[in-house]
Protein backbone atom coordinates (compact mmCIF):
# COMPACT_ATOMS: atom_id res chain seq x y z
CA MET A 1 -59.82 21.47 -14.40
CA SER A 2 -62.95 22.35 -12.45
CA GLU A 3 -63.25 24.86 -9.67
CA ARG A 4 -63.79 22.04 -7.14
CA ASP A 5 -60.81 19.88 -8.12
CA PRO A 6 -58.26 19.82 -5.30
CA LEU A 7 -55.62 22.53 -5.34
CA ARG A 8 -52.14 21.04 -5.64
CA VAL A 9 -49.96 22.82 -3.10
CA LEU A 10 -46.20 22.31 -3.25
CA VAL A 11 -44.48 22.73 0.14
CA TYR A 12 -40.70 23.13 -0.08
CA SER A 13 -38.26 22.93 2.81
CA ASP A 14 -35.18 20.86 3.49
CA ASP A 15 -36.56 20.48 7.03
CA LEU A 16 -39.24 17.81 7.42
CA THR A 17 -40.60 19.53 10.54
CA VAL A 18 -41.20 22.79 8.64
CA ARG A 19 -43.08 20.94 5.89
CA ALA A 20 -45.15 19.11 8.51
CA GLN A 21 -45.90 22.35 10.35
CA VAL A 22 -47.10 24.05 7.15
CA ILE A 23 -49.35 21.13 6.23
CA SER A 24 -50.77 20.72 9.74
CA SER A 25 -51.35 24.47 10.02
CA LEU A 26 -53.36 24.52 6.79
CA GLY A 27 -55.08 21.17 7.07
CA PRO A 28 -56.89 19.37 4.27
CA ARG A 29 -59.10 22.37 3.49
CA PRO A 30 -58.10 25.69 5.06
CA HIS A 31 -61.35 27.46 4.17
CA PRO A 32 -64.83 26.19 3.26
CA ASP A 33 -64.90 28.40 0.15
CA LEU A 34 -61.87 26.60 -1.26
CA PRO A 35 -61.47 23.11 -2.66
CA ALA A 36 -59.44 20.56 -0.72
CA PHE A 37 -55.65 20.81 -0.81
CA ASP A 38 -53.52 18.03 -2.26
CA TYR A 39 -50.00 18.53 -0.83
CA VAL A 40 -46.75 17.76 -2.60
CA GLU A 41 -43.83 17.76 -0.16
CA VAL A 42 -40.43 18.60 -1.63
CA ALA A 43 -37.01 18.75 0.03
CA THR A 44 -34.74 19.78 -2.86
CA GLU A 45 -34.68 22.55 -5.45
CA PRO A 46 -34.38 20.28 -8.53
CA VAL A 47 -37.56 18.44 -7.52
CA VAL A 48 -39.39 21.76 -7.07
CA PHE A 49 -38.70 22.62 -10.70
CA GLN A 50 -39.51 19.09 -11.84
CA HIS A 51 -43.02 19.48 -10.39
CA LEU A 52 -43.38 23.02 -11.73
CA ASP A 53 -42.33 21.92 -15.21
CA GLU A 54 -45.12 19.33 -15.16
CA GLY A 55 -47.52 22.27 -14.77
CA ARG A 56 -49.87 20.75 -12.21
CA ILE A 57 -49.04 22.90 -9.18
CA ASP A 58 -51.56 25.57 -8.17
CA LEU A 59 -49.75 27.20 -5.24
CA VAL A 60 -46.25 27.04 -3.76
CA VAL A 61 -45.14 27.50 -0.15
CA LEU A 62 -41.36 28.01 0.03
CA ASP A 63 -39.08 28.03 3.07
CA GLY A 64 -36.81 31.04 2.74
CA GLU A 65 -34.40 29.44 5.22
CA ALA A 66 -33.99 26.14 3.35
CA ALA A 67 -30.48 24.99 2.48
CA PRO A 68 -28.60 24.76 0.26
CA VAL A 69 -31.11 26.64 -1.92
CA GLY A 70 -33.44 29.05 -0.15
CA GLY A 71 -37.03 29.71 -1.07
CA MET A 72 -36.39 33.33 -2.01
CA GLY A 73 -34.02 32.34 -4.79
CA ILE A 74 -36.40 29.64 -6.01
CA ALA A 75 -39.28 32.13 -6.04
CA ARG A 76 -37.27 34.64 -8.05
CA GLN A 77 -36.19 31.97 -10.53
CA MET A 78 -39.79 30.76 -10.88
CA LYS A 79 -41.02 34.26 -11.65
CA ASP A 80 -38.25 34.75 -14.23
CA GLU A 81 -38.57 31.39 -15.98
CA ILE A 82 -42.14 30.09 -15.70
CA PHE A 83 -44.83 31.91 -17.63
CA ASP A 84 -48.03 32.21 -15.62
CA GLY A 85 -46.57 30.10 -12.84
CA PRO A 86 -48.28 29.40 -9.55
CA PRO A 87 -48.37 32.03 -6.81
CA VAL A 88 -45.83 31.84 -4.00
CA VAL A 89 -46.18 32.13 -0.23
CA LEU A 90 -42.73 32.61 1.26
CA LEU A 91 -41.71 31.75 4.80
CA THR A 92 -39.02 34.14 6.04
CA GLY A 93 -36.64 33.69 8.94
CA ARG A 94 -37.75 36.93 10.57
CA PRO A 95 -40.10 39.83 9.87
CA GLN A 96 -37.17 42.06 8.85
CA ASP A 97 -36.59 39.81 5.82
CA ALA A 98 -39.79 41.02 4.15
CA TRP A 99 -37.80 43.29 1.81
CA LEU A 100 -35.99 40.23 0.44
CA ALA A 101 -39.32 38.56 -0.15
CA ILE A 102 -40.35 41.58 -2.24
CA TRP A 103 -37.22 41.02 -4.35
CA SER A 104 -38.28 37.39 -4.83
CA ARG A 105 -41.71 38.57 -6.13
CA ALA A 106 -43.65 36.28 -3.78
CA GLU A 107 -47.38 37.01 -3.57
CA ALA A 108 -47.39 36.66 0.23
CA VAL A 109 -44.85 36.53 3.06
CA VAL A 110 -45.21 34.86 6.45
CA PRO A 111 -42.41 35.16 9.05
CA ARG A 112 -41.21 32.25 11.13
CA PRO A 113 -41.92 30.93 13.66
CA ILE A 114 -45.06 29.95 11.80
CA ASP A 115 -48.30 31.34 13.17
CA PRO A 116 -50.95 28.91 11.83
CA VAL A 117 -53.63 31.61 11.62
CA ARG A 118 -51.40 34.05 9.76
CA LEU A 119 -50.20 31.33 7.39
CA ALA A 120 -53.75 30.18 6.67
CA GLU A 121 -54.90 33.75 5.99
CA ALA A 122 -52.05 34.32 3.53
CA VAL A 123 -52.54 31.00 1.76
CA VAL A 124 -56.33 31.40 1.51
CA GLU A 125 -55.96 34.85 -0.04
CA VAL A 126 -53.40 33.62 -2.57
CA ALA A 127 -55.44 30.47 -3.34
CA ARG A 128 -58.54 32.53 -4.05
CA GLY A 129 -56.58 34.58 -6.55
CA ARG A 130 -55.36 31.42 -8.23
CA LEU A 131 -58.89 30.03 -8.49
CA THR A 132 -60.12 33.12 -10.30
CA ARG A 133 -57.47 32.43 -12.97
CA ARG A 134 -58.49 28.77 -13.48
């Protein structure tokens, strides 16, 4: 995989509007220093792990408020079960939930409602770290 191949970004939420907001906030290429993003939208926890098991996901954005399985639990399970798995950006329901995000071992946390600038900054930083490991 070359440094300019698109980054595959998994976006998980049971809410279609949250997934659409994440993708529209980031756009096809959130920073000129990064390759384009290829989004994989997922609405259920089993499909998240199906994609992760295939090993072609570079970065994960998880909705901590998703139901029936929240993003914090998925993040924690990923960190426990997947060796050298992709980094996680976690969307929390409110800023006070940041301590739970620490428990989940997410690399970055962005509170909802989603601020597109704040989300892009967090994702760009995490994506850069992922690229250095490619």
